[in-house]
Amino acid sequence: MRHLALDVIRDEHQALAAMLRSLALLLQQSRRTGGLPPFDVLRAMLFYIDEFPERLHHTKESELLFPKLRERAPELAPVLDRLDHDHAAGERAIRDIEHALLAFEVMGESRRQAFETAIERYIADYLAHMGREEADVLPAAQRLFSEADWAELDAAFAANKDPLTGHEPEDGYRPLFSKIVNAAPAPIGLG
């Protein structure tokens, strides 16, 4: 049986993975051409990651999904502990990346390698994190949750309206998504 919460989580994972891959492509393109990356687009992409996955998606996983799973699958405690740790560290990690990007932008080439190393590690860690959720957490939830559990989770995750998953952006976010979609490379944008 399909559940809206699972669809939303998977759609948001796909959107975030596409955003992370597009970010990496922008950096690869700038290295290949020997130029600087489009800092404004990179900042917009990092802002998106901070606003949507870090604050909306992770909060619902850590506050709703994971506690229900802890009750029904105590053997998953180490995996859930690690995922919760990742979520708790996520805001700090994105701030560190944004700082490294600013340092690269204002200090120039001497800070490129530090930023690129940090973003490559961040992308790899984030993709691994989502992989653990999809391999361990979501299948266990499908097996163990009741219809009442799913009704609660479906209602909570239905409120997520990430524009990169096909929802119309709120007015305040329109310029952000316009910038990303028009300037970032595929798979997230048209640039």
C-alpha atoms as a PDB file:
ATOM      1  CA  MET A   1       0.000   0.000   0.000  1.00  0.00           C
ATOM      2  CA  ARG A   2       1.227   3.504  -0.862  1.00  0.00           C
ATOM      3  CA  HIS A   3       1.438   6.233   1.716  1.00  0.00           C
ATOM      4  CA  LEU A   4       1.675   9.943   1.015  1.00  0.00           C
ATOM      5  CA  ALA A   5       4.402  10.440   3.626  1.00  0.00           C
ATOM      6  CA  LEU A   6       6.667   7.941   1.838  1.00  0.00           C
ATOM      7  CA  ASP A   7       6.023   9.598  -1.523  1.00  0.00           C
ATOM      8  CA  VAL A   8       6.818  13.031  -0.083  1.00  0.00           C
ATOM      9  CA  ILE A   9      10.013  11.796   1.586  1.00  0.00           C
ATOM     10  CA  ARG A  10      11.212  10.065  -1.585  1.00  0.00           C
ATOM     11  CA  ASP A  11      10.288  13.058  -3.783  1.00  0.00           C
ATOM     12  CA  GLU A  12      12.142  15.406  -1.451  1.00  0.00           C
ATOM     13  CA  HIS A  13      15.151  13.083  -1.435  1.00  0.00           C
ATOM     14  CA  GLN A  14      15.179  13.065  -5.247  1.00  0.00           C
ATOM     15  CA  ALA A  15      14.894  16.869  -5.394  1.00  0.00           C
ATOM     16  CA  LEU A  16      17.700  17.319  -2.889  1.00  0.00           C
ATOM     17  CA  ALA A  17      19.927  14.778  -4.646  1.00  0.00           C
ATOM     18  CA  ALA A  18      19.345  16.634  -7.924  1.00  0.00           C
ATOM     19  CA  MET A  19      20.192  19.947  -6.223  1.00  0.00           C
ATOM     20  CA  LEU A  20      23.401  18.501  -4.772  1.00  0.00           C
ATOM     21  CA  ARG A  21      24.440  17.010  -8.117  1.00  0.00           C
ATOM     22  CA  SER A  22      23.725  20.299  -9.906  1.00  0.00           C
ATOM     23  CA  LEU A  23      25.822  22.119  -7.332  1.00  0.00           C
ATOM     24  CA  ALA A  24      28.705  19.735  -8.006  1.00  0.00           C
ATOM     25  CA  LEU A  25      28.254  20.219 -11.764  1.00  0.00           C
ATOM     26  CA  LEU A  26      28.512  23.997 -11.412  1.00  0.00           C
ATOM     27  CA  LEU A  27      31.821  23.575  -9.630  1.00  0.00           C
ATOM     28  CA  GLN A  28      33.087  21.073 -12.210  1.00  0.00           C
ATOM     29  CA  GLN A  29      32.179  23.493 -15.013  1.00  0.00           C
ATOM     30  CA  SER A  30      34.042  26.346 -13.351  1.00  0.00           C
ATOM     31  CA  ARG A  31      37.139  24.181 -12.877  1.00  0.00           C
ATOM     32  CA  ARG A  32      36.969  22.989 -16.494  1.00  0.00           C
ATOM     33  CA  THR A  33      36.739  26.529 -17.857  1.00  0.00           C
ATOM     34  CA  GLY A  34      39.263  27.902 -15.374  1.00  0.00           C
ATOM     35  CA  GLY A  35      36.803  30.532 -14.172  1.00  0.00           C
ATOM     36  CA  LEU A  36      34.963  31.278 -10.996  1.00  0.00           C
ATOM     37  CA  PRO A  37      31.622  29.617 -10.310  1.00  0.00           C
ATOM     38  CA  PRO A  38      28.408  31.676 -10.258  1.00  0.00           C
ATOM     39  CA  PHE A  39      28.506  32.559  -6.579  1.00  0.00           C
ATOM     40  CA  ASP A  40      24.982  33.985  -6.587  1.00  0.00           C
ATOM     41  CA  VAL A  41      23.558  30.699  -7.860  1.00  0.00           C
ATOM     42  CA  LEU A  42      25.610  28.642  -5.386  1.00  0.00           C
ATOM     43  CA  ARG A  43      24.355  30.860  -2.538  1.00  0.00           C
ATOM     44  CA  ALA A  44      20.766  30.409  -3.728  1.00  0.00           C
ATOM     45  CA  MET A  45      21.186  26.638  -3.861  1.00  0.00           C
ATOM     46  CA  LEU A  46      22.671  26.489  -0.367  1.00  0.00           C
ATOM     47  CA  PHE A  47      19.898  28.750   0.925  1.00  0.00           C
ATOM     48  CA  TYR A  48      17.340  26.335  -0.534  1.00  0.00           C
ATOM     49  CA  ILE A  49      19.035  23.399   1.244  1.00  0.00           C
ATOM     50  CA  ASP A  50      18.931  25.312   4.509  1.00  0.00           C
ATOM     51  CA  GLU A  51      15.309  26.451   4.149  1.00  0.00           C
ATOM     52  CA  PHE A  52      13.650  23.274   2.934  1.00  0.00           C
ATOM     53  CA  PRO A  53      15.472  19.998   3.693  1.00  0.00           C
ATOM     54  CA  GLU A  54      17.250  21.160   6.836  1.00  0.00           C
ATOM     55  CA  ARG A  55      14.324  22.911   8.517  1.00  0.00           C
ATOM     56  CA  LEU A  56      11.224  21.213   7.125  1.00  0.00           C
ATOM     57  CA  HIS A  57      12.062  17.699   5.980  1.00  0.00           C
ATOM     58  CA  HIS A  58      14.511  16.718   8.733  1.00  0.00           C
ATOM     59  CA  THR A  59      12.352  18.108  11.513  1.00  0.00           C
ATOM     60  CA  LYS A  60       9.425  15.887  10.567  1.00  0.00           C
ATOM     61  CA  GLU A  61      11.630  12.829  10.224  1.00  0.00           C
ATOM     62  CA  SER A  62      13.287  13.360  13.616  1.00  0.00           C
ATOM     63  CA  GLU A  63      10.152  14.417  15.494  1.00  0.00           C
ATOM     64  CA  LEU A  64       7.535  12.121  13.919  1.00  0.00           C
ATOM     65  CA  LEU A  65       8.921   9.277  11.831  1.00  0.00           C
ATOM     66  CA  PHE A  66      11.964   8.213  13.847  1.00  0.00           C
ATOM     67  CA  PRO A  67      10.267   8.111  17.298  1.00  0.00           C
ATOM     68  CA  LYS A  68       7.519   5.824  15.966  1.00  0.00           C
ATOM     69  CA  LEU A  69      10.152   3.566  14.470  1.00  0.00           C
ATOM     70  CA  ARG A  70      12.192   3.523  17.703  1.00  0.00           C
ATOM     71  CA  GLU A  71       9.125   2.165  19.500  1.00  0.00           C
ATOM     72  CA  ARG A  72       8.555  -0.634  17.016  1.00  0.00           C
ATOM     73  CA  ALA A  73      12.089  -1.506  15.922  1.00  0.00           C
ATOM     74  CA  PRO A  74      14.559  -1.027  18.781  1.00  0.00           C
ATOM     75  CA  GLU A  75      17.184  -2.858  16.717  1.00  0.00           C
ATOM     76  CA  LEU A  76      17.273   0.210  14.450  1.00  0.00           C
ATOM     77  CA  ALA A  77      18.373   2.480  17.325  1.00  0.00           C
ATOM     78  CA  PRO A  78      21.996   2.791  16.090  1.00  0.00           C
ATOM     79  CA  VAL A  79      20.846   3.758  12.584  1.00  0.00           C
ATOM     80  CA  LEU A  80      18.262   6.206  13.928  1.00  0.00           C
ATOM     81  CA  ASP A  81      20.802   7.677  16.361  1.00  0.00           C
ATOM     82  CA  ARG A  82      23.177   8.299  13.470  1.00  0.00           C
ATOM     83  CA  LEU A  83      20.437   9.859  11.318  1.00  0.00           C
ATOM     84  CA  ASP A  84      19.273  12.073  14.202  1.00  0.00           C
ATOM     85  CA  HIS A  85      22.887  13.120  14.754  1.00  0.00           C
ATOM     86  CA  ASP A  86      23.153  14.014  11.066  1.00  0.00           C
ATOM     87  CA  HIS A  87      19.968  16.079  11.321  1.00  0.00           C
ATOM     88  CA  ALA A  88      21.188  17.881  14.444  1.00  0.00           C
ATOM     89  CA  ALA A  89      24.522  18.648  12.785  1.00  0.00           C
ATOM     90  CA  GLY A  90      22.938  19.699   9.495  1.00  0.00           C
ATOM     91  CA  GLU A  91      22.332  23.344  10.322  1.00  0.00           C
ATOM     92  CA  ARG A  92      25.915  23.777  11.506  1.00  0.00           C
ATOM     93  CA  ALA A  93      27.220  21.944   8.432  1.00  0.00           C
ATOM     94  CA  ILE A  94      25.328  24.214   6.034  1.00  0.00           C
ATOM     95  CA  ARG A  95      26.611  27.305   7.902  1.00  0.00           C
ATOM     96  CA  ASP A  96      30.175  26.005   7.560  1.00  0.00           C
ATOM     97  CA  ILE A  97      29.645  25.455   3.822  1.00  0.00           C
ATOM     98  CA  GLU A  98      28.137  28.928   3.404  1.00  0.00           C
ATOM     99  CA  HIS A  99      31.106  30.401   5.268  1.00  0.00           C
ATOM    100  CA  ALA A 100      33.565  28.506   3.079  1.00  0.00           C
ATOM    101  CA  LEU A 101      31.715  29.751  -0.021  1.00  0.00           C
ATOM    102  CA  LEU A 102      31.852  33.346   1.208  1.00  0.00           C
ATOM    103  CA  ALA A 103      35.569  32.955   1.936  1.00  0.00           C
ATOM    104  CA  PHE A 104      36.116  31.657  -1.617  1.00  0.00           C
ATOM    105  CA  GLU A 105      34.078  34.501  -3.086  1.00  0.00           C
ATOM    106  CA  VAL A 106      35.795  37.335  -1.190  1.00  0.00           C
ATOM    107  CA  MET A 107      39.288  35.858  -0.759  1.00  0.00           C
ATOM    108  CA  GLY A 108      39.597  34.277  -4.185  1.00  0.00           C
ATOM    109  CA  GLU A 109      41.448  31.223  -5.430  1.00  0.00           C
ATOM    110  CA  SER A 110      43.349  30.705  -2.188  1.00  0.00           C
ATOM    111  CA  ARG A 111      40.050  29.538  -0.669  1.00  0.00           C
ATOM    112  CA  ARG A 112      38.721  27.491  -3.598  1.00  0.00           C
ATOM    113  CA  GLN A 113      40.145  24.150  -2.507  1.00  0.00           C
ATOM    114  CA  ALA A 114      38.826  24.443   1.046  1.00  0.00           C
ATOM    115  CA  PHE A 115      35.327  25.186  -0.243  1.00  0.00           C
ATOM    116  CA  GLU A 116      35.392  22.447  -2.862  1.00  0.00           C
ATOM    117  CA  THR A 117      36.669  19.868  -0.385  1.00  0.00           C
ATOM    118  CA  ALA A 118      34.000  20.856   2.140  1.00  0.00           C
ATOM    119  CA  ILE A 119      31.160  20.769  -0.398  1.00  0.00           C
ATOM    120  CA  GLU A 120      32.291  17.428  -1.854  1.00  0.00           C
ATOM    121  CA  ARG A 121      32.306  15.889   1.640  1.00  0.00           C
ATOM    122  CA  TYR A 122      28.932  17.481   2.417  1.00  0.00           C
ATOM    123  CA  ILE A 123      27.381  16.115  -0.784  1.00  0.00           C
ATOM    124  CA  ALA A 124      28.775  12.612  -0.213  1.00  0.00           C
ATOM    125  CA  ASP A 125      27.595  12.589   3.404  1.00  0.00           C
ATOM    126  CA  TYR A 126      24.137  13.859   2.481  1.00  0.00           C
ATOM    127  CA  LEU A 127      23.664  11.299  -0.294  1.00  0.00           C
ATOM    128  CA  ALA A 128      24.784   8.519   2.086  1.00  0.00           C
ATOM    129  CA  HIS A 129      22.367   9.819   4.736  1.00  0.00           C
ATOM    130  CA  MET A 130      19.417   9.675   2.353  1.00  0.00           C
ATOM    131  CA  GLY A 131      20.540   6.232   1.204  1.00  0.00           C
ATOM    132  CA  ARG A 132      20.455   4.949   4.807  1.00  0.00           C
ATOM    133  CA  GLU A 133      16.963   6.345   5.265  1.00  0.00           C
ATOM    134  CA  GLU A 134      15.712   4.712   2.082  1.00  0.00           C
ATOM    135  CA  ALA A 135      17.459   1.380   2.708  1.00  0.00           C
ATOM    136  CA  ASP A 136      16.758   0.976   6.436  1.00  0.00           C
ATOM    137  CA  VAL A 137      14.130   3.389   7.731  1.00  0.00           C
ATOM    138  CA  LEU A 138      11.463   3.521   5.049  1.00  0.00           C
ATOM    139  CA  PRO A 139      11.182  -0.259   4.500  1.00  0.00           C
ATOM    140  CA  ALA A 140      10.929  -0.818   8.267  1.00  0.00           C
ATOM    141  CA  ALA A 141       8.235   1.838   8.541  1.00  0.00           C
ATOM    142  CA  GLN A 142       6.290   0.206   5.714  1.00  0.00           C
ATOM    143  CA  ARG A 143       6.409  -3.140   7.525  1.00  0.00           C
ATOM    144  CA  LEU A 144       5.701  -1.949  11.041  1.00  0.00           C
ATOM    145  CA  PHE A 145       3.421   1.085  11.024  1.00  0.00           C
ATOM    146  CA  SER A 146      -0.329   0.916  11.518  1.00  0.00           C
ATOM    147  CA  GLU A 147      -2.884   2.780   9.446  1.00  0.00           C
ATOM    148  CA  ALA A 148      -3.215   5.269  12.328  1.00  0.00           C
ATOM    149  CA  ASP A 149       0.556   5.878  12.198  1.00  0.00           C
ATOM    150  CA  TRP A 150       0.360   6.460   8.465  1.00  0.00           C
ATOM    151  CA  ALA A 151      -2.623   8.797   8.788  1.00  0.00           C
ATOM    152  CA  GLU A 152      -0.635  11.001  11.184  1.00  0.00           C
ATOM    153  CA  LEU A 153       2.527  10.918   9.053  1.00  0.00           C
ATOM    154  CA  ASP A 154       0.624  11.481   5.804  1.00  0.00           C
ATOM    155  CA  ALA A 155      -1.081  14.559   7.258  1.00  0.00           C
ATOM    156  CA  ALA A 156       2.202  15.997   8.537  1.00  0.00           C
ATOM    157  CA  PHE A 157       4.204  15.392   5.365  1.00  0.00           C
ATOM    158  CA  ALA A 158       1.348  16.597   3.124  1.00  0.00           C
ATOM    159  CA  ALA A 159       2.065  20.075   4.477  1.00  0.00           C
ATOM    160  CA  ASN A 160       5.552  20.006   2.905  1.00  0.00           C
ATOM    161  CA  LYS A 161       5.355  22.097  -0.241  1.00  0.00           C
ATOM    162  CA  ASP A 162       8.882  21.997  -1.626  1.00  0.00           C
ATOM    163  CA  PRO A 163       8.757  23.745  -5.026  1.00  0.00           C
ATOM    164  CA  LEU A 164      11.385  21.367  -6.387  1.00  0.00           C
ATOM    165  CA  THR A 165       8.899  18.531  -5.955  1.00  0.00           C
ATOM    166  CA  GLY A 166       6.307  20.183  -8.165  1.00  0.00           C
ATOM    167  CA  HIS A 167       4.576  22.554  -5.765  1.00  0.00           C
ATOM    168  CA  GLU A 168       4.032  26.201  -6.570  1.00  0.00           C
ATOM    169  CA  PRO A 169       6.490  28.303  -4.537  1.00  0.00           C
ATOM    170  CA  GLU A 170       5.154  30.753  -1.998  1.00  0.00           C
ATOM    171  CA  ASP A 171       5.424  34.327  -3.225  1.00  0.00           C
ATOM    172  CA  GLY A 172       8.455  35.103  -1.077  1.00  0.00           C
ATOM    173  CA  TYR A 173      10.346  32.128  -2.524  1.00  0.00           C
ATOM    174  CA  ARG A 174       9.573  32.788  -6.214  1.00  0.00           C
ATOM    175  CA  PRO A 175      12.785  34.779  -6.873  1.00  0.00           C
ATOM    176  CA  LEU A 176      14.887  32.064  -5.226  1.00  0.00           C
ATOM    177  CA  PHE A 177      13.424  29.255  -7.300  1.00  0.00           C
ATOM    178  CA  SER A 178      13.486  31.331 -10.460  1.00  0.00           C
ATOM    179  CA  LYS A 179      17.211  31.974  -9.958  1.00  0.00           C
ATOM    180  CA  ILE A 180      17.952  28.304  -9.271  1.00  0.00           C
ATOM    181  CA  VAL A 181      15.869  26.877 -12.115  1.00  0.00           C
ATOM    182  CA  ASN A 182      17.093  29.409 -14.674  1.00  0.00           C
ATOM    183  CA  ALA A 183      20.790  29.301 -13.805  1.00  0.00           C
ATOM    184  CA  ALA A 184      21.601  25.894 -12.341  1.00  0.00           C
ATOM    185  CA  PRO A 185      22.500  23.026 -14.656  1.00  0.00           C
ATOM    186  CA  ALA A 186      20.327  19.959 -15.103  1.00  0.00           C
ATOM    187  CA  PRO A 187      19.054  17.924 -13.385  1.00  0.00           C
ATOM    188  CA  ILE A 188      17.673  20.769 -11.247  1.00  0.00           C
ATOM    189  CA  GLY A 189      17.739  23.668 -13.661  1.00  0.00           C
ATOM    190  CA  LEU A 190      17.790  24.835 -17.229  1.00  0.00           C
ATOM    191  CA  GLY A 191      21.222  26.481 -17.186  1.00  0.00           C
END
